Amino acid sequence: MNKIKPWLSAMRLRTLPLSVSGIILGGCFAFYNGKFNPWVFGLAILTTIALQILSNLANDYGDGVRGTDNDERVGPQRALQSGAITPEEMMDGIKLNIVIVIMLTMALIWSAFNAASILYMLLFLILGGLSVFAALNYTMGSSPYGYRALGDVFVFVFFGLISTLGSYLLFTHRLDHVVVLPAISIGLLSVGVLNLNNMRDIDSDTNADKITLAIKLGKKGAKRYHYALIFSAMLITVLFSILYYVEPYNFMYLLAFIPLLIHAKKIKAAQKPNDFDSQLKILALSTFLMAILLGIGYILY
């Protein structure tokens, strides 16, 4: 029982709503086109959550054994950093999680496709493998991409494009241009969450030789980059709803712009690491809310 709280902390449950935003959006657009399958949706959600937890455990392990998570770091204390979970225990947890991801991925592919869709089945097997690779190699391995300022690219691709377009493909067995702009928006906002994390950790990451895009841009440049991510996502979403307008419900997502605008104002005034840390949950939940409202806006009729 004493281990439950550290493991829950290591799983970083507050990151889970953001991880399923693209799945929800893809599912809603599939529903709009009459191709929704509740079993596929449920398995897609579970698989994505398992992958996110795998990524979080791997990040805890990678940053922990490298000493990146230390007393200088601001934010929740990590499991390895605190000593509540040993590196050996964390590695065992990572291995178990990989098995869970594989089982869920196989169940998802089996539920979504049949023998006539062998190419799609192979595609999602490859995507599943790449997702596990990306989850593990953000901070683990001999040359983790998270230490080479490549995290933003991977987050955009996996949290935005693959999550949204991939989930839509699972339901419809085809790609559709209608989902591209929403996928880009979710991807940009997801990168914004990572950038917030990196702005918070600029000083500690610099001391630990972890190179992020925020470090390359500097504090002022990272803030400008953050505004570009947030406002580009908002503009792209508005453009989408104009191009694919059906009825007024399509603009329900504008409610999510309120916390996003407040967030942007807070970031403008942010100076200390804690100022950025306090906004992580706000941006993640705002992204989740926008995905839900945008999706629901197209299935209410």
Protein backbone atom coordinates (compact mmCIF):
# COMPACT_ATOMS: atom_id res chain seq x y z
CA MET A 1 0.00 0.00 0.00
CA ASN A 2 2.90 2.37 0.72
CA LYS A 3 3.96 2.08 -2.94
CA ILE A 4 0.61 3.04 -4.45
CA LYS A 5 0.99 6.79 -4.01
CA PRO A 6 4.53 6.96 -5.53
CA TRP A 7 3.42 4.87 -8.53
CA LEU A 8 0.38 7.06 -9.10
CA SER A 9 2.64 10.10 -8.88
CA ALA A 10 5.05 8.55 -11.40
CA MET A 11 2.16 7.91 -13.79
CA ARG A 12 1.44 11.68 -13.76
CA LEU A 13 -2.32 11.31 -13.99
CA ARG A 14 -2.78 15.01 -14.77
CA THR A 15 -1.26 14.40 -18.22
CA LEU A 16 -3.84 11.78 -19.23
CA PRO A 17 -6.70 14.08 -20.39
CA LEU A 18 -4.36 15.81 -22.84
CA SER A 19 -3.17 12.48 -24.24
CA VAL A 20 -6.70 11.38 -25.25
CA SER A 21 -7.79 14.72 -26.75
CA GLY A 22 -6.96 13.63 -30.29
CA ILE A 23 -8.70 10.26 -29.81
CA ILE A 24 -11.89 11.99 -28.67
CA LEU A 25 -11.80 14.39 -31.61
CA GLY A 26 -11.18 11.63 -34.16
CA GLY A 27 -13.97 9.57 -32.62
CA CYS A 28 -16.43 12.46 -32.80
CA PHE A 29 -15.75 13.12 -36.48
CA ALA A 30 -16.07 9.41 -37.20
CA PHE A 31 -19.43 9.46 -35.37
CA TYR A 32 -20.50 12.42 -37.52
CA ASN A 33 -19.77 10.32 -40.61
CA GLY A 34 -21.68 7.32 -39.26
CA LYS A 35 -18.60 5.17 -38.62
CA PHE A 36 -18.34 5.12 -34.81
CA ASN A 37 -17.56 1.90 -32.93
CA PRO A 38 -17.72 2.12 -29.11
CA TRP A 39 -15.40 -0.89 -28.65
CA VAL A 40 -12.74 0.65 -30.88
CA PHE A 41 -13.16 3.98 -29.09
CA GLY A 42 -12.74 2.43 -25.66
CA LEU A 43 -9.70 0.41 -26.67
CA ALA A 44 -8.15 3.45 -28.39
CA ILE A 45 -8.57 5.45 -25.18
CA LEU A 46 -7.06 2.67 -23.05
CA THR A 47 -4.14 2.15 -25.45
CA THR A 48 -3.36 5.86 -25.52
CA ILE A 49 -3.51 6.11 -21.72
CA ALA A 50 -1.18 3.10 -21.43
CA LEU A 51 1.26 4.71 -23.86
CA GLN A 52 1.15 8.00 -21.94
CA ILE A 53 1.81 6.22 -18.65
CA LEU A 54 4.68 4.34 -20.30
CA SER A 55 6.13 7.66 -21.46
CA ASN A 56 5.76 9.16 -17.98
CA LEU A 57 7.45 6.20 -16.28
CA ALA A 58 10.26 6.23 -18.85
CA ASN A 59 10.74 9.98 -18.36
CA ASP A 60 10.90 9.51 -14.60
CA TYR A 61 13.50 6.78 -15.06
CA GLY A 62 15.56 8.58 -17.71
CA ASP A 63 15.70 11.93 -15.92
CA GLY A 64 16.18 10.20 -12.59
CA VAL A 65 19.21 8.10 -13.49
CA ARG A 66 20.78 11.04 -15.34
CA GLY A 67 20.36 13.33 -12.36
CA THR A 68 18.22 15.81 -14.32
CA ASP A 69 15.53 15.52 -11.65
CA ASN A 70 17.29 17.08 -8.68
CA ASP A 71 16.71 19.59 -5.90
CA GLU A 72 16.93 22.49 -8.39
CA ARG A 73 13.92 21.28 -10.32
CA VAL A 74 10.53 22.96 -9.71
CA GLY A 75 7.31 20.99 -9.76
CA PRO A 76 6.11 17.67 -8.32
CA GLN A 77 8.94 15.54 -6.95
CA ARG A 78 9.58 12.52 -9.17
CA ALA A 79 9.53 8.95 -7.90
CA LEU A 80 13.20 8.15 -8.53
CA GLN A 81 14.25 11.59 -7.33
CA SER A 82 12.50 11.04 -4.00
CA GLY A 83 13.78 7.48 -3.61
CA ALA A 84 10.23 6.16 -3.20
CA ILE A 85 10.78 3.86 -6.20
CA THR A 86 14.15 2.36 -7.06
CA PRO A 87 15.54 2.34 -10.63
CA GLU A 88 15.13 -1.45 -10.71
CA GLU A 89 11.49 -1.21 -9.65
CA MET A 90 10.83 1.52 -12.20
CA MET A 91 12.38 -0.57 -14.98
CA ASP A 92 10.18 -3.51 -13.99
CA GLY A 93 7.16 -1.19 -14.15
CA ILE A 94 8.21 0.00 -17.62
CA LYS A 95 8.54 -3.59 -18.87
CA LEU A 96 5.11 -4.49 -17.49
CA ASN A 97 3.62 -1.41 -19.11
CA ILE A 98 5.12 -2.35 -22.48
CA VAL A 99 3.37 -5.73 -22.24
CA ILE A 100 0.08 -3.96 -21.46
CA VAL A 101 0.54 -1.61 -24.43
CA ILE A 102 1.22 -4.55 -26.76
CA MET A 103 -1.88 -6.42 -25.56
CA LEU A 104 -4.12 -3.36 -25.90
CA THR A 105 -2.69 -2.51 -29.31
CA MET A 106 -3.37 -6.01 -30.61
CA ALA A 107 -6.92 -5.93 -29.22
CA LEU A 108 -7.50 -2.50 -30.79
CA ILE A 109 -6.26 -3.60 -34.22
CA TRP A 110 -8.31 -6.80 -34.05
CA SER A 111 -11.47 -4.83 -33.15
CA ALA A 112 -10.95 -2.15 -35.80
CA PHE A 113 -9.99 -4.25 -38.81
CA ASN A 114 -10.62 -7.62 -40.41
CA ALA A 115 -8.52 -9.95 -42.56
CA ALA A 116 -9.34 -7.88 -45.65
CA SER A 117 -7.60 -4.86 -44.09
CA ILE A 118 -4.18 -6.44 -43.66
CA LEU A 119 -2.34 -3.31 -44.81
CA TYR A 120 -4.11 -1.18 -42.19
CA MET A 121 -3.33 -3.80 -39.57
CA LEU A 122 0.35 -3.68 -40.49
CA LEU A 123 0.28 0.13 -40.48
CA PHE A 124 -1.06 0.26 -36.93
CA LEU A 125 1.37 -2.40 -35.75
CA ILE A 126 4.17 -0.15 -37.03
CA LEU A 127 2.59 2.93 -35.44
CA GLY A 128 2.29 1.04 -32.16
CA GLY A 129 5.95 0.12 -32.29
CA LEU A 130 6.96 3.69 -33.12
CA SER A 131 4.81 4.98 -30.25
CA VAL A 132 6.57 2.69 -27.78
CA PHE A 133 9.94 3.77 -29.20
CA ALA A 134 9.00 7.44 -28.84
CA ALA A 135 7.73 6.92 -25.29
CA LEU A 136 10.94 5.21 -24.19
CA ASN A 137 13.52 7.31 -26.00
CA TYR A 138 12.41 10.77 -24.91
CA THR A 139 14.77 10.59 -21.92
CA MET A 140 16.06 7.01 -22.01
CA GLY A 141 18.78 5.46 -24.15
CA SER A 142 22.23 6.62 -25.19
CA SER A 143 20.94 9.59 -27.20
CA PRO A 144 17.44 10.58 -26.01
CA TYR A 145 15.71 12.99 -28.39
CA GLY A 146 14.29 14.98 -25.47
CA TYR A 147 17.86 16.06 -24.68
CA ARG A 148 18.42 17.22 -28.28
CA ALA A 149 15.56 19.74 -28.59
CA LEU A 150 13.41 17.31 -30.62
CA GLY A 151 10.63 16.77 -28.10
CA ASP A 152 8.39 19.39 -29.71
CA VAL A 153 8.45 17.60 -33.07
CA PHE A 154 7.58 14.23 -31.56
CA VAL A 155 4.77 15.66 -29.42
CA PHE A 156 3.23 17.41 -32.43
CA VAL A 157 3.37 14.26 -34.54
CA PHE A 158 2.17 11.76 -31.93
CA PHE A 159 -0.26 13.86 -29.83
CA GLY A 160 -1.67 15.78 -32.80
CA LEU A 161 -1.39 14.07 -36.18
CA ILE A 162 -1.17 10.39 -35.29
CA SER A 163 -3.61 10.61 -32.38
CA THR A 164 -6.37 12.44 -34.28
CA LEU A 165 -5.87 11.14 -37.82
CA GLY A 166 -5.04 7.66 -36.56
CA SER A 167 -8.16 7.35 -34.42
CA TYR A 168 -10.31 8.58 -37.31
CA LEU A 169 -8.71 5.97 -39.57
CA LEU A 170 -9.44 3.24 -37.02
CA PHE A 171 -13.17 3.97 -37.33
CA THR A 172 -13.56 4.88 -40.99
CA HIS A 173 -10.70 2.90 -42.61
CA ARG A 174 -9.81 5.96 -44.63
CA LEU A 175 -8.08 9.31 -44.23
CA ASP A 176 -10.12 12.46 -44.74
CA HIS A 177 -8.93 16.03 -45.21
CA VAL A 178 -11.65 17.22 -42.83
CA VAL A 179 -9.64 15.98 -39.83
CA VAL A 180 -6.30 17.56 -40.76
CA LEU A 181 -6.80 21.07 -39.34
CA PRO A 182 -8.19 19.84 -35.98
CA ALA A 183 -5.24 17.43 -35.72
CA ILE A 184 -2.83 20.33 -36.26
CA SER A 185 -4.58 22.41 -33.59
CA ILE A 186 -4.42 19.64 -30.99
CA GLY A 187 -0.78 19.05 -31.88
CA LEU A 188 0.14 22.72 -31.44
CA LEU A 189 -1.57 22.97 -28.05
CA SER A 190 0.10 19.74 -26.93
CA VAL A 191 3.48 21.20 -27.89
CA GLY A 192 2.47 24.23 -25.84
CA VAL A 193 2.17 22.02 -22.75
CA LEU A 194 5.66 20.63 -23.37
CA ASN A 195 7.02 24.14 -23.93
CA LEU A 196 5.52 25.25 -20.61
CA ASN A 197 7.28 22.37 -18.91
CA ASN A 198 10.56 23.29 -20.64
CA MET A 199 10.24 27.00 -19.77
CA ARG A 200 9.74 26.03 -16.14
CA ASP A 201 12.87 23.87 -16.22
CA ILE A 202 15.20 26.13 -18.25
CA ASP A 203 17.66 26.65 -15.40
CA SER A 204 17.71 23.09 -14.06
CA ASP A 205 17.84 21.57 -17.58
CA THR A 206 20.74 23.85 -18.51
CA ASN A 207 22.69 22.71 -15.46
CA ALA A 208 21.92 19.07 -16.31
CA ASP A 209 23.02 19.47 -19.98
CA LYS A 210 19.50 18.75 -21.21
CA ILE A 211 18.99 20.81 -24.36
CA THR A 212 15.38 21.76 -25.09
CA LEU A 213 13.95 24.17 -27.63
CA ALA A 214 13.15 26.56 -24.77
CA ILE A 215 16.84 26.67 -23.88
CA LYS A 216 17.80 27.28 -27.50
CA LEU A 217 15.27 30.10 -27.82
CA GLY A 218 15.96 31.67 -24.43
CA LYS A 219 13.27 32.79 -22.00
CA LYS A 220 11.92 35.62 -24.16
CA GLY A 221 12.06 33.58 -27.33
CA ALA A 222 10.35 30.63 -25.65
CA LYS A 223 7.51 32.91 -24.57
CA ARG A 224 7.06 34.22 -28.13
CA TYR A 225 7.11 30.64 -29.39
CA HIS A 226 4.45 29.78 -26.82
CA TYR A 227 2.16 32.57 -27.98
CA ALA A 228 2.64 31.41 -31.57
CA LEU A 229 1.59 27.87 -30.62
CA ILE A 230 -1.52 28.94 -28.71
CA PHE A 231 -2.80 31.58 -31.13
CA SER A 232 -2.00 29.50 -34.22
CA ALA A 233 -4.04 26.64 -32.77
CA MET A 234 -6.94 29.00 -32.09
CA LEU A 235 -6.81 30.54 -35.57
CA ILE A 236 -6.59 27.17 -37.29
CA THR A 237 -9.60 25.92 -35.32
CA VAL A 238 -11.63 29.00 -36.31
CA LEU A 239 -10.57 28.54 -39.94
CA PHE A 240 -11.68 24.91 -39.76
CA SER A 241 -15.13 25.74 -38.40
CA ILE A 242 -15.62 28.37 -41.13
CA LEU A 243 -14.50 26.06 -43.94
CA TYR A 244 -16.59 23.15 -42.66
CA TYR A 245 -19.51 25.06 -41.19
CA VAL A 246 -22.72 23.07 -40.74
CA GLU A 247 -24.60 24.73 -37.90
CA PRO A 248 -24.01 27.13 -34.96
CA TYR A 249 -23.11 24.24 -32.64
CA ASN A 250 -19.85 24.01 -34.58
CA PHE A 251 -18.60 27.04 -32.65
CA MET A 252 -19.14 25.61 -29.17
CA TYR A 253 -15.36 25.27 -28.79
CA LEU A 254 -15.06 29.07 -28.53
CA LEU A 255 -15.85 28.63 -24.83
CA ALA A 256 -12.46 26.96 -24.47
CA PHE A 257 -10.78 30.09 -25.85
CA ILE A 258 -11.60 31.92 -22.60
CA PRO A 259 -9.17 29.91 -20.42
CA LEU A 260 -6.66 29.87 -23.31
CA LEU A 261 -6.65 33.68 -23.50
CA ILE A 262 -6.38 33.95 -19.71
CA HIS A 263 -3.52 31.46 -19.89
CA ALA A 264 -1.69 33.56 -22.50
CA LYS A 265 -2.02 36.61 -20.26
CA LYS A 266 -0.62 34.65 -17.30
CA ILE A 267 2.37 33.51 -19.36
CA LYS A 268 3.11 37.09 -20.36
CA ALA A 269 3.46 37.97 -16.67
CA ALA A 270 5.24 34.73 -15.70
CA GLN A 271 8.80 35.09 -14.44
CA LYS A 272 9.52 32.33 -11.92
CA PRO A 273 9.43 28.57 -12.56
CA ASN A 274 6.37 28.20 -10.33
CA ASP A 275 4.50 30.67 -12.55
CA PHE A 276 4.88 28.28 -15.49
CA ASP A 277 4.23 25.14 -13.45
CA SER A 278 0.86 26.45 -12.26
CA GLN A 279 -0.27 26.82 -15.88
CA LEU A 280 0.46 23.25 -16.99
CA LYS A 281 -2.85 21.85 -15.78
CA ILE A 282 -4.72 24.89 -17.14
CA LEU A 283 -3.41 24.47 -20.68
CA ALA A 284 -3.79 20.67 -20.69
CA LEU A 285 -7.41 20.84 -19.50
CA SER A 286 -8.20 23.72 -21.88
CA THR A 287 -6.95 21.59 -24.77
CA PHE A 288 -9.05 18.67 -23.56
CA LEU A 289 -12.10 20.93 -23.26
CA MET A 290 -11.59 22.36 -26.73
CA ALA A 291 -11.32 18.87 -28.24
CA ILE A 292 -14.55 17.78 -26.55
CA LEU A 293 -16.51 20.89 -27.52
CA LEU A 294 -15.23 20.89 -31.09
CA GLY A 295 -16.14 17.23 -31.49
CA ILE A 296 -19.55 17.52 -29.84
CA GLY A 297 -20.27 20.60 -31.95
CA TYR A 298 -20.33 18.39 -35.02
CA ILE A 299 -22.43 15.54 -33.64
CA LEU A 300 -25.24 17.66 -32.16
CA TYR A 301 -27.91 18.00 -34.80
